[in-house]
Amino acid sequence: MRLRDFNPANIRVEDQRGGRFPGGGGGKLGCGTIVILLIGVFVFGADPAQMLGGLQQMEQNSPASAPQSGGTTTAESCSADQTSREACAALASLDQTWQPLFQEAGISFQQPKLVFYSQAGQSGCGAAQSAMGPFYCPTDQGIYLDTDFFREMEQRLGAGGDFARAYVMAHEYGHHVQTLTGTANSVRQAQSRNPQAANPLQVRMELQADCYAGVWAAKNADLIEPGDIEEGMQAAHAIGDDTLMKSAGRRPVEEAFTHGSSAQRMEWLRRGLETGDEDQCDTFKDMRG
């Protein structure tokens, strides 16, 4: 994907790489990790069913902790390596794509911040660790990224390529869209009222974020290169709950799904890509009758 050049002054970036952070922390992560299970399952052999079972609690409010910065400027952070440059370019493109849509809808828009960290960091939702994968924290509207994750995604899951990496960023940005529109808050309230529906509601949140990622790509179709769509679909398939469970030697249990099956993730990403219409990403439509 040929992402355009960008002005670092126009995006929000924080760099915690090289900083020192308290380990463990008492807070909880916000929802929005696209592949929070991957490193735990494939590196540490963790039970994905147990990990999945706790995900619906991730977006509960938690005390915000002030992150400690590594002291670099946005330009320095974005130029640290190729992956950092890609992530910053994707963030700039996502801002430029979504902000006008919010203005047209008459909804207030705030840019999210991209937070780089290495191994461990601190978010407004609690401790950040590389095993968590990329995630979005609604408390501080931050997209948290340990860029080493992309190497794990390519080497262990066969989900490499620049478009696959952009898809990860766009998915997490989709959770920011849900926060600004009020969808995330409505889902949290519904999960609190009906804990048994927590996982199915979370799946709908994740699939909508996949669709939003596809919408962003469709609205920037002139940047798409041959093979990009295939990379995205491969990534969506690789991080489906059923595929992750099978890869870990477990029987897929639909009741434990929190992100959706491989088929569902591919379907909603494809819907966004084919329509380029955010209104077609209503994964909650059938619930409203």
C-alpha atoms as a PDB file:
ATOM      1  CA  MET A   1       0.000   0.000   0.000  1.00  0.00           C
ATOM      2  CA  ARG A   2       1.514   3.313  -1.079  1.00  0.00           C
ATOM      3  CA  LEU A   3       0.760   5.524   1.897  1.00  0.00           C
ATOM      4  CA  ARG A   4       1.275   9.213   1.233  1.00  0.00           C
ATOM      5  CA  ASP A   5       3.877  11.443   2.808  1.00  0.00           C
ATOM      6  CA  PHE A   6       2.606  13.209   5.906  1.00  0.00           C
ATOM      7  CA  ASN A   7       3.402  16.150   8.148  1.00  0.00           C
ATOM      8  CA  PRO A   8       4.369  14.880  11.629  1.00  0.00           C
ATOM      9  CA  ALA A   9       2.975  18.106  13.087  1.00  0.00           C
ATOM     10  CA  ASN A  10      -0.520  17.041  12.036  1.00  0.00           C
ATOM     11  CA  ILE A  11      -0.697  13.783  13.983  1.00  0.00           C
ATOM     12  CA  ARG A  12      -0.590  12.862  17.656  1.00  0.00           C
ATOM     13  CA  VAL A  13       2.239  10.496  18.588  1.00  0.00           C
ATOM     14  CA  GLU A  14       3.710   9.523  21.917  1.00  0.00           C
ATOM     15  CA  ASP A  15       6.817   7.384  22.248  1.00  0.00           C
ATOM     16  CA  GLN A  16       7.377   5.274  25.348  1.00  0.00           C
ATOM     17  CA  ARG A  17      10.196   3.248  23.855  1.00  0.00           C
ATOM     18  CA  GLY A  18      13.242   3.562  26.034  1.00  0.00           C
ATOM     19  CA  GLY A  19      11.164   4.755  28.981  1.00  0.00           C
ATOM     20  CA  ARG A  20      10.807   3.003  32.327  1.00  0.00           C
ATOM     21  CA  PHE A  21       7.389   1.880  33.417  1.00  0.00           C
ATOM     22  CA  PRO A  22       5.969   0.079  36.425  1.00  0.00           C
ATOM     23  CA  GLY A  23       5.406  -3.588  35.711  1.00  0.00           C
ATOM     24  CA  GLY A  24       2.076  -5.283  36.086  1.00  0.00           C
ATOM     25  CA  GLY A  25      -0.011  -2.290  37.076  1.00  0.00           C
ATOM     26  CA  GLY A  26      -3.449  -2.561  38.570  1.00  0.00           C
ATOM     27  CA  GLY A  27      -5.481  -1.343  35.626  1.00  0.00           C
ATOM     28  CA  LYS A  28      -7.318  -3.201  32.890  1.00  0.00           C
ATOM     29  CA  LEU A  29      -6.853  -2.868  29.178  1.00  0.00           C
ATOM     30  CA  GLY A  30      -9.427  -1.142  27.047  1.00  0.00           C
ATOM     31  CA  CYS A  31     -11.191  -3.103  24.318  1.00  0.00           C
ATOM     32  CA  GLY A  32      -9.907  -3.034  20.792  1.00  0.00           C
ATOM     33  CA  THR A  33      -6.989  -5.353  20.564  1.00  0.00           C
ATOM     34  CA  ILE A  34      -7.130  -6.961  17.170  1.00  0.00           C
ATOM     35  CA  VAL A  35      -4.976  -9.919  18.099  1.00  0.00           C
ATOM     36  CA  ILE A  36      -4.521  -9.814  21.821  1.00  0.00           C
ATOM     37  CA  LEU A  37      -4.181 -13.571  21.994  1.00  0.00           C
ATOM     38  CA  LEU A  38      -1.533 -14.156  19.409  1.00  0.00           C
ATOM     39  CA  ILE A  39       1.691 -13.857  21.320  1.00  0.00           C
ATOM     40  CA  GLY A  40       0.285 -15.534  24.411  1.00  0.00           C
ATOM     41  CA  VAL A  41      -1.007 -18.490  22.421  1.00  0.00           C
ATOM     42  CA  PHE A  42       1.900 -19.019  20.071  1.00  0.00           C
ATOM     43  CA  VAL A  43       4.822 -18.021  22.259  1.00  0.00           C
ATOM     44  CA  PHE A  44       3.754 -18.960  25.754  1.00  0.00           C
ATOM     45  CA  GLY A  45       1.297 -21.738  24.950  1.00  0.00           C
ATOM     46  CA  ALA A  46      -1.508 -20.064  26.870  1.00  0.00           C
ATOM     47  CA  ASP A  47      -5.033 -21.442  26.760  1.00  0.00           C
ATOM     48  CA  PRO A  48      -6.910 -19.211  24.293  1.00  0.00           C
ATOM     49  CA  ALA A  49     -10.278 -20.161  25.769  1.00  0.00           C
ATOM     50  CA  GLN A  50      -9.236 -18.747  29.126  1.00  0.00           C
ATOM     51  CA  MET A  51      -7.769 -15.649  27.550  1.00  0.00           C
ATOM     52  CA  LEU A  52     -10.807 -15.080  25.388  1.00  0.00           C
ATOM     53  CA  GLY A  53     -13.100 -15.506  28.356  1.00  0.00           C
ATOM     54  CA  GLY A  54     -11.676 -12.444  30.055  1.00  0.00           C
ATOM     55  CA  LEU A  55     -11.699 -10.079  27.104  1.00  0.00           C
ATOM     56  CA  GLN A  56     -15.219  -8.750  27.600  1.00  0.00           C
ATOM     57  CA  GLN A  57     -14.068  -7.053  30.804  1.00  0.00           C
ATOM     58  CA  MET A  58     -11.326  -5.091  29.078  1.00  0.00           C
ATOM     59  CA  GLU A  59     -13.188  -1.866  28.412  1.00  0.00           C
ATOM     60  CA  GLN A  60     -14.277  -1.214  31.972  1.00  0.00           C
ATOM     61  CA  ASN A  61     -13.209   2.150  33.300  1.00  0.00           C
ATOM     62  CA  SER A  62      -9.880   2.064  35.073  1.00  0.00           C
ATOM     63  CA  PRO A  63      -7.790   4.730  36.741  1.00  0.00           C
ATOM     64  CA  ALA A  64      -5.712   6.578  34.196  1.00  0.00           C
ATOM     65  CA  SER A  65      -1.981   6.516  34.746  1.00  0.00           C
ATOM     66  CA  ALA A  66       0.223   9.227  33.330  1.00  0.00           C
ATOM     67  CA  PRO A  67       2.445   7.647  30.670  1.00  0.00           C
ATOM     68  CA  GLN A  68       6.121   8.410  30.753  1.00  0.00           C
ATOM     69  CA  SER A  69       7.557   9.584  27.479  1.00  0.00           C
ATOM     70  CA  GLY A  70      10.884   8.669  26.003  1.00  0.00           C
ATOM     71  CA  GLY A  71      11.349  12.362  25.208  1.00  0.00           C
ATOM     72  CA  THR A  72      11.447  12.094  21.417  1.00  0.00           C
ATOM     73  CA  THR A  73       9.632  14.335  18.959  1.00  0.00           C
ATOM     74  CA  THR A  74       6.925  13.006  16.671  1.00  0.00           C
ATOM     75  CA  ALA A  75       9.230  13.242  13.671  1.00  0.00           C
ATOM     76  CA  GLU A  76      11.945  11.255  15.464  1.00  0.00           C
ATOM     77  CA  SER A  77       9.480   8.626  16.643  1.00  0.00           C
ATOM     78  CA  CYS A  78       7.978   8.179  13.209  1.00  0.00           C
ATOM     79  CA  SER A  79      11.372   7.845  11.538  1.00  0.00           C
ATOM     80  CA  ALA A  80      12.772   5.324  14.035  1.00  0.00           C
ATOM     81  CA  ASP A  81      12.328   2.429  11.593  1.00  0.00           C
ATOM     82  CA  GLN A  82      10.247   1.339   8.615  1.00  0.00           C
ATOM     83  CA  THR A  83       7.416  -0.014  10.733  1.00  0.00           C
ATOM     84  CA  SER A  84       7.184   3.231  12.699  1.00  0.00           C
ATOM     85  CA  ARG A  85       7.068   5.226   9.462  1.00  0.00           C
ATOM     86  CA  GLU A  86       4.295   3.002   8.146  1.00  0.00           C
ATOM     87  CA  ALA A  87       2.274   3.302  11.344  1.00  0.00           C
ATOM     88  CA  CYS A  88       2.539   7.097  11.393  1.00  0.00           C
ATOM     89  CA  ALA A  89       1.634   7.330   7.710  1.00  0.00           C
ATOM     90  CA  ALA A  90      -1.371   5.088   8.291  1.00  0.00           C
ATOM     91  CA  LEU A  91      -2.459   7.235  11.251  1.00  0.00           C
ATOM     92  CA  ALA A  92      -2.230  10.394   9.146  1.00  0.00           C
ATOM     93  CA  SER A  93      -4.268   8.783   6.370  1.00  0.00           C
ATOM     94  CA  LEU A  94      -6.885   7.539   8.826  1.00  0.00           C
ATOM     95  CA  ASP A  95      -7.235  11.007  10.366  1.00  0.00           C
ATOM     96  CA  GLN A  96      -7.616  12.571   6.927  1.00  0.00           C
ATOM     97  CA  THR A  97     -10.217   9.995   5.922  1.00  0.00           C
ATOM     98  CA  TRP A  98     -12.401   9.939   9.026  1.00  0.00           C
ATOM     99  CA  GLN A  99     -12.397  13.582  10.114  1.00  0.00           C
ATOM    100  CA  PRO A 100     -14.448  14.838   7.118  1.00  0.00           C
ATOM    101  CA  LEU A 101     -16.965  12.024   7.629  1.00  0.00           C
ATOM    102  CA  PHE A 102     -17.524  13.129  11.208  1.00  0.00           C
ATOM    103  CA  GLN A 103     -17.866  16.745  10.115  1.00  0.00           C
ATOM    104  CA  GLU A 104     -20.466  15.774   7.530  1.00  0.00           C
ATOM    105  CA  ALA A 105     -22.403  13.889  10.197  1.00  0.00           C
ATOM    106  CA  GLY A 106     -22.180  16.778  12.655  1.00  0.00           C
ATOM    107  CA  ILE A 107     -20.300  14.698  15.231  1.00  0.00           C
ATOM    108  CA  SER A 108     -17.378  16.115  17.170  1.00  0.00           C
ATOM    109  CA  PHE A 109     -14.058  14.606  16.112  1.00  0.00           C
ATOM    110  CA  GLN A 110     -10.837  14.257  18.066  1.00  0.00           C
ATOM    111  CA  GLN A 111      -7.721  12.640  16.707  1.00  0.00           C
ATOM    112  CA  PRO A 112      -6.520   9.568  18.575  1.00  0.00           C
ATOM    113  CA  LYS A 113      -2.887   9.337  19.601  1.00  0.00           C
ATOM    114  CA  LEU A 114      -0.522   6.619  18.466  1.00  0.00           C
ATOM    115  CA  VAL A 115       1.630   5.356  21.328  1.00  0.00           C
ATOM    116  CA  PHE A 116       4.762   3.366  20.564  1.00  0.00           C
ATOM    117  CA  TYR A 117       6.184   1.184  23.290  1.00  0.00           C
ATOM    118  CA  SER A 118       8.661  -1.677  23.521  1.00  0.00           C
ATOM    119  CA  GLN A 119       7.949  -4.746  25.657  1.00  0.00           C
ATOM    120  CA  ALA A 120       6.188  -2.708  28.341  1.00  0.00           C
ATOM    121  CA  GLY A 121       4.510   0.650  28.672  1.00  0.00           C
ATOM    122  CA  GLN A 122       1.636   2.403  30.395  1.00  0.00           C
ATOM    123  CA  SER A 123      -1.757   3.364  29.028  1.00  0.00           C
ATOM    124  CA  GLY A 124      -4.727   5.172  30.477  1.00  0.00           C
ATOM    125  CA  CYS A 125      -6.275   1.722  30.855  1.00  0.00           C
ATOM    126  CA  GLY A 126      -3.346   0.187  32.733  1.00  0.00           C
ATOM    127  CA  ALA A 127      -0.117  -1.580  31.914  1.00  0.00           C
ATOM    128  CA  ALA A 128       0.764  -2.269  28.277  1.00  0.00           C
ATOM    129  CA  GLN A 129       2.766  -5.381  27.445  1.00  0.00           C
ATOM    130  CA  SER A 130       3.942  -6.775  24.123  1.00  0.00           C
ATOM    131  CA  ALA A 131       2.024 -10.035  24.695  1.00  0.00           C
ATOM    132  CA  MET A 132      -1.202  -8.055  24.466  1.00  0.00           C
ATOM    133  CA  GLY A 133      -0.722  -7.124  20.839  1.00  0.00           C
ATOM    134  CA  PRO A 134      -1.932  -3.751  19.504  1.00  0.00           C
ATOM    135  CA  PHE A 135      -4.898  -2.329  21.397  1.00  0.00           C
ATOM    136  CA  TYR A 136      -7.048   0.759  21.742  1.00  0.00           C
ATOM    137  CA  CYS A 137      -7.615   2.426  25.099  1.00  0.00           C
ATOM    138  CA  PRO A 138     -10.817   4.499  25.226  1.00  0.00           C
ATOM    139  CA  THR A 139      -9.777   6.261  28.428  1.00  0.00           C
ATOM    140  CA  ASP A 140      -6.999   8.223  26.738  1.00  0.00           C
ATOM    141  CA  GLN A 141      -8.066   7.554  23.124  1.00  0.00           C
ATOM    142  CA  GLY A 142      -4.736   5.923  22.393  1.00  0.00           C
ATOM    143  CA  ILE A 143      -3.740   3.250  19.891  1.00  0.00           C
ATOM    144  CA  TYR A 144      -0.946   1.301  21.580  1.00  0.00           C
ATOM    145  CA  LEU A 145       1.587  -0.479  19.423  1.00  0.00           C
ATOM    146  CA  ASP A 146       4.721  -2.495  20.073  1.00  0.00           C
ATOM    147  CA  THR A 147       6.058  -2.630  16.520  1.00  0.00           C
ATOM    148  CA  ASP A 148       7.804  -5.956  17.231  1.00  0.00           C
ATOM    149  CA  PHE A 149       4.329  -7.460  17.073  1.00  0.00           C
ATOM    150  CA  PHE A 150       4.271  -7.234  13.302  1.00  0.00           C
ATOM    151  CA  ARG A 151       7.284  -9.506  13.066  1.00  0.00           C
ATOM    152  CA  GLU A 152       5.479 -12.074  15.198  1.00  0.00           C
ATOM    153  CA  MET A 153       2.380 -11.725  13.041  1.00  0.00           C
ATOM    154  CA  GLU A 154       4.354 -12.435   9.888  1.00  0.00           C
ATOM    155  CA  GLN A 155       6.633 -15.166  11.182  1.00  0.00           C
ATOM    156  CA  ARG A 156       4.187 -17.112  13.326  1.00  0.00           C
ATOM    157  CA  LEU A 157       0.916 -16.550  11.496  1.00  0.00           C
ATOM    158  CA  GLY A 158       2.018 -16.010   7.921  1.00  0.00           C
ATOM    159  CA  ALA A 159       0.147 -12.693   7.934  1.00  0.00           C
ATOM    160  CA  GLY A 160       2.777 -10.306   6.622  1.00  0.00           C
ATOM    161  CA  GLY A 161       2.835  -7.404   4.200  1.00  0.00           C
ATOM    162  CA  ASP A 162       2.336  -3.670   4.463  1.00  0.00           C
ATOM    163  CA  PHE A 163      -1.406  -3.869   3.899  1.00  0.00           C
ATOM    164  CA  ALA A 164      -1.778  -6.434   6.693  1.00  0.00           C
ATOM    165  CA  ARG A 165       0.004  -4.012   9.007  1.00  0.00           C
ATOM    166  CA  ALA A 166      -2.171  -1.131   7.830  1.00  0.00           C
ATOM    167  CA  TYR A 167      -5.247  -3.284   8.473  1.00  0.00           C
ATOM    168  CA  VAL A 168      -4.164  -3.685  12.103  1.00  0.00           C
ATOM    169  CA  MET A 169      -3.869   0.093  12.483  1.00  0.00           C
ATOM    170  CA  ALA A 170      -7.170   0.719  10.705  1.00  0.00           C
ATOM    171  CA  HIS A 171      -8.967  -1.832  12.894  1.00  0.00           C
ATOM    172  CA  GLU A 172      -7.758  -0.171  16.082  1.00  0.00           C
ATOM    173  CA  TYR A 173      -8.760   3.193  14.631  1.00  0.00           C
ATOM    174  CA  GLY A 174     -12.184   1.671  14.087  1.00  0.00           C
ATOM    175  CA  HIS A 175     -12.497   1.334  17.846  1.00  0.00           C
ATOM    176  CA  HIS A 176     -11.747   5.040  18.142  1.00  0.00           C
ATOM    177  CA  VAL A 177     -14.602   5.704  15.729  1.00  0.00           C
ATOM    178  CA  GLN A 178     -16.849   3.592  17.960  1.00  0.00           C
ATOM    179  CA  THR A 179     -15.793   5.609  20.991  1.00  0.00           C
ATOM    180  CA  LEU A 180     -16.531   8.946  19.326  1.00  0.00           C
ATOM    181  CA  THR A 181     -19.921   7.832  17.991  1.00  0.00           C
ATOM    182  CA  GLY A 182     -20.996   6.415  21.360  1.00  0.00           C
ATOM    183  CA  THR A 183     -21.208   2.836  20.115  1.00  0.00           C
ATOM    184  CA  ALA A 184     -18.533   1.616  22.508  1.00  0.00           C
ATOM    185  CA  ASN A 185     -20.264   3.137  25.530  1.00  0.00           C
ATOM    186  CA  SER A 186     -23.623   1.667  24.504  1.00  0.00           C
ATOM    187  CA  VAL A 187     -22.077  -1.777  24.161  1.00  0.00           C
ATOM    188  CA  ARG A 188     -20.407  -1.527  27.574  1.00  0.00           C
ATOM    189  CA  GLN A 189     -23.743  -0.631  29.139  1.00  0.00           C
ATOM    190  CA  ALA A 190     -25.466  -3.540  27.397  1.00  0.00           C
ATOM    191  CA  GLN A 191     -22.727  -5.920  28.533  1.00  0.00           C
ATOM    192  CA  SER A 192     -23.137  -4.712  32.094  1.00  0.00           C
ATOM    193  CA  ARG A 193     -26.904  -5.261  31.986  1.00  0.00           C
ATOM    194  CA  ASN A 194     -26.593  -8.721  30.428  1.00  0.00           C
ATOM    195  CA  PRO A 195     -23.239 -10.415  31.166  1.00  0.00           C
ATOM    196  CA  GLN A 196     -24.260 -13.494  29.188  1.00  0.00           C
ATOM    197  CA  ALA A 197     -24.354 -11.370  26.044  1.00  0.00           C
ATOM    198  CA  ALA A 198     -20.946  -9.825  26.701  1.00  0.00           C
ATOM    199  CA  ASN A 199     -18.983 -12.016  24.282  1.00  0.00           C
ATOM    200  CA  PRO A 200     -21.471 -11.853  21.375  1.00  0.00           C
ATOM    201  CA  LEU A 201     -21.629  -8.070  21.737  1.00  0.00           C
ATOM    202  CA  GLN A 202     -17.851  -7.868  21.768  1.00  0.00           C
ATOM    203  CA  VAL A 203     -17.713  -9.925  18.576  1.00  0.00           C
ATOM    204  CA  ARG A 204     -20.019  -7.419  16.895  1.00  0.00           C
ATOM    205  CA  MET A 205     -17.742  -4.587  18.029  1.00  0.00           C
ATOM    206  CA  GLU A 206     -14.686  -6.276  16.552  1.00  0.00           C
ATOM    207  CA  LEU A 207     -16.393  -7.134  13.265  1.00  0.00           C
ATOM    208  CA  GLN A 208     -17.562  -3.547  12.899  1.00  0.00           C
ATOM    209  CA  ALA A 209     -13.981  -2.375  13.415  1.00  0.00           C
ATOM    210  CA  ASP A 210     -12.915  -4.795  10.664  1.00  0.00           C
ATOM    211  CA  CYS A 211     -15.542  -3.296   8.374  1.00  0.00           C
ATOM    212  CA  TYR A 212     -14.396   0.236   9.202  1.00  0.00           C
ATOM    213  CA  ALA A 213     -10.851  -0.815   8.291  1.00  0.00           C
ATOM    214  CA  GLY A 214     -12.132  -1.923   4.908  1.00  0.00           C
ATOM    215  CA  VAL A 215     -14.020   1.355   4.433  1.00  0.00           C
ATOM    216  CA  TRP A 216     -10.828   3.319   5.034  1.00  0.00           C
ATOM    217  CA  ALA A 217      -8.973   1.239   2.445  1.00  0.00           C
ATOM    218  CA  ALA A 218     -11.807   1.621  -0.066  1.00  0.00           C
ATOM    219  CA  LYS A 219     -11.811   5.400   0.339  1.00  0.00           C
ATOM    220  CA  ASN A 220      -8.090   5.325  -0.470  1.00  0.00           C
ATOM    221  CA  ALA A 221      -8.333   2.845  -3.331  1.00  0.00           C
ATOM    222  CA  ASP A 222      -5.769   4.780  -5.338  1.00  0.00           C
ATOM    223  CA  LEU A 223      -3.143   3.671  -2.819  1.00  0.00           C
ATOM    224  CA  ILE A 224      -3.938  -0.036  -3.116  1.00  0.00           C
ATOM    225  CA  GLU A 225      -1.336  -2.175  -4.876  1.00  0.00           C
ATOM    226  CA  PRO A 226      -1.568  -5.679  -6.362  1.00  0.00           C
ATOM    227  CA  GLY A 227      -1.645  -8.267  -3.597  1.00  0.00           C
ATOM    228  CA  ASP A 228      -2.806  -5.882  -0.878  1.00  0.00           C
ATOM    229  CA  ILE A 229      -6.324  -7.236  -0.602  1.00  0.00           C
ATOM    230  CA  GLU A 230      -5.011 -10.781  -0.395  1.00  0.00           C
ATOM    231  CA  GLU A 231      -2.694  -9.715   2.446  1.00  0.00           C
ATOM    232  CA  GLY A 232      -5.601  -8.217   4.324  1.00  0.00           C
ATOM    233  CA  MET A 233      -7.782 -11.272   3.888  1.00  0.00           C
ATOM    234  CA  GLN A 234      -4.965 -13.556   4.999  1.00  0.00           C
ATOM    235  CA  ALA A 235      -4.485 -11.472   8.122  1.00  0.00           C
ATOM    236  CA  ALA A 236      -8.229 -11.470   8.878  1.00  0.00           C
ATOM    237  CA  HIS A 237      -8.315 -15.254   8.469  1.00  0.00           C
ATOM    238  CA  ALA A 238      -5.221 -15.786  10.631  1.00  0.00           C
ATOM    239  CA  ILE A 239      -6.666 -13.893  13.591  1.00  0.00           C
ATOM    240  CA  GLY A 240     -10.121 -15.444  13.622  1.00  0.00           C
ATOM    241  CA  ASP A 241     -10.996 -16.940  17.001  1.00  0.00           C
ATOM    242  CA  ASP A 242     -11.590 -20.408  15.558  1.00  0.00           C
ATOM    243  CA  THR A 243      -8.283 -20.413  13.689  1.00  0.00           C
ATOM    244  CA  LEU A 244      -6.374 -19.286  16.769  1.00  0.00           C
ATOM    245  CA  MET A 245      -7.970 -21.983  18.880  1.00  0.00           C
ATOM    246  CA  LYS A 246      -7.255 -24.702  16.332  1.00  0.00           C
ATOM    247  CA  SER A 247      -3.647 -23.544  15.992  1.00  0.00           C
ATOM    248  CA  ALA A 248      -3.270 -23.843  19.749  1.00  0.00           C
ATOM    249  CA  GLY A 249      -4.607 -27.407  19.648  1.00  0.00           C
ATOM    250  CA  ARG A 250      -7.983 -26.475  21.120  1.00  0.00           C
ATOM    251  CA  ARG A 251     -11.474 -27.155  19.916  1.00  0.00           C
ATOM    252  CA  PRO A 252     -13.133 -23.917  18.793  1.00  0.00           C
ATOM    253  CA  VAL A 253     -15.842 -22.861  21.232  1.00  0.00           C
ATOM    254  CA  GLU A 254     -18.127 -20.246  19.720  1.00  0.00           C
ATOM    255  CA  GLU A 255     -19.392 -19.109  23.107  1.00  0.00           C
ATOM    256  CA  ALA A 256     -15.852 -18.002  23.929  1.00  0.00           C
ATOM    257  CA  PHE A 257     -15.352 -16.006  20.729  1.00  0.00           C
ATOM    258  CA  THR A 258     -14.731 -12.290  21.278  1.00  0.00           C
ATOM    259  CA  HIS A 259     -13.425 -11.214  17.862  1.00  0.00           C
ATOM    260  CA  GLY A 260     -15.317 -13.466  15.454  1.00  0.00           C
ATOM    261  CA  SER A 261     -14.461 -16.454  13.319  1.00  0.00           C
ATOM    262  CA  SER A 262     -12.055 -16.235  10.402  1.00  0.00           C
ATOM    263  CA  ALA A 263     -14.996 -16.330   7.982  1.00  0.00           C
ATOM    264  CA  GLN A 264     -16.773 -13.516   9.814  1.00  0.00           C
ATOM    265  CA  ARG A 265     -13.708 -11.306   9.961  1.00  0.00           C
ATOM    266  CA  MET A 266     -13.025 -11.774   6.276  1.00  0.00           C
ATOM    267  CA  GLU A 267     -16.688 -11.136   5.445  1.00  0.00           C
ATOM    268  CA  TRP A 268     -16.854  -7.801   7.266  1.00  0.00           C
ATOM    269  CA  LEU A 269     -13.483  -6.600   6.049  1.00  0.00           C
ATOM    270  CA  ARG A 270     -14.608  -7.439   2.519  1.00  0.00           C
ATOM    271  CA  ARG A 271     -17.907  -5.603   3.025  1.00  0.00           C
ATOM    272  CA  GLY A 272     -16.051  -2.431   3.944  1.00  0.00           C
ATOM    273  CA  LEU A 273     -13.681  -2.838   1.017  1.00  0.00           C
ATOM    274  CA  GLU A 274     -16.455  -3.434  -1.510  1.00  0.00           C
ATOM    275  CA  THR A 275     -18.883  -0.732  -0.364  1.00  0.00           C
ATOM    276  CA  GLY A 276     -16.608   1.992   0.986  1.00  0.00           C
ATOM    277  CA  ASP A 277     -19.650   2.988   3.033  1.00  0.00           C
ATOM    278  CA  GLU A 278     -19.419   3.183   6.808  1.00  0.00           C
ATOM    279  CA  ASP A 279     -23.207   2.887   7.029  1.00  0.00           C
ATOM    280  CA  GLN A 280     -22.885  -0.678   5.742  1.00  0.00           C
ATOM    281  CA  CYS A 281     -20.866  -1.612   8.853  1.00  0.00           C
ATOM    282  CA  ASP A 282     -23.839  -1.873  11.207  1.00  0.00           C
ATOM    283  CA  THR A 283     -23.136  -5.249  12.824  1.00  0.00           C
ATOM    284  CA  PHE A 284     -25.857  -4.546  15.403  1.00  0.00           C
ATOM    285  CA  LYS A 285     -28.665  -4.018  12.887  1.00  0.00           C
ATOM    286  CA  ASP A 286     -30.449  -7.340  13.384  1.00  0.00           C
ATOM    287  CA  MET A 287     -30.538  -6.779  17.161  1.00  0.00           C
ATOM    288  CA  ARG A 288     -32.710  -3.702  16.688  1.00  0.00           C
ATOM    289  CA  GLY A 289     -35.340  -5.607  14.773  1.00  0.00           C
END
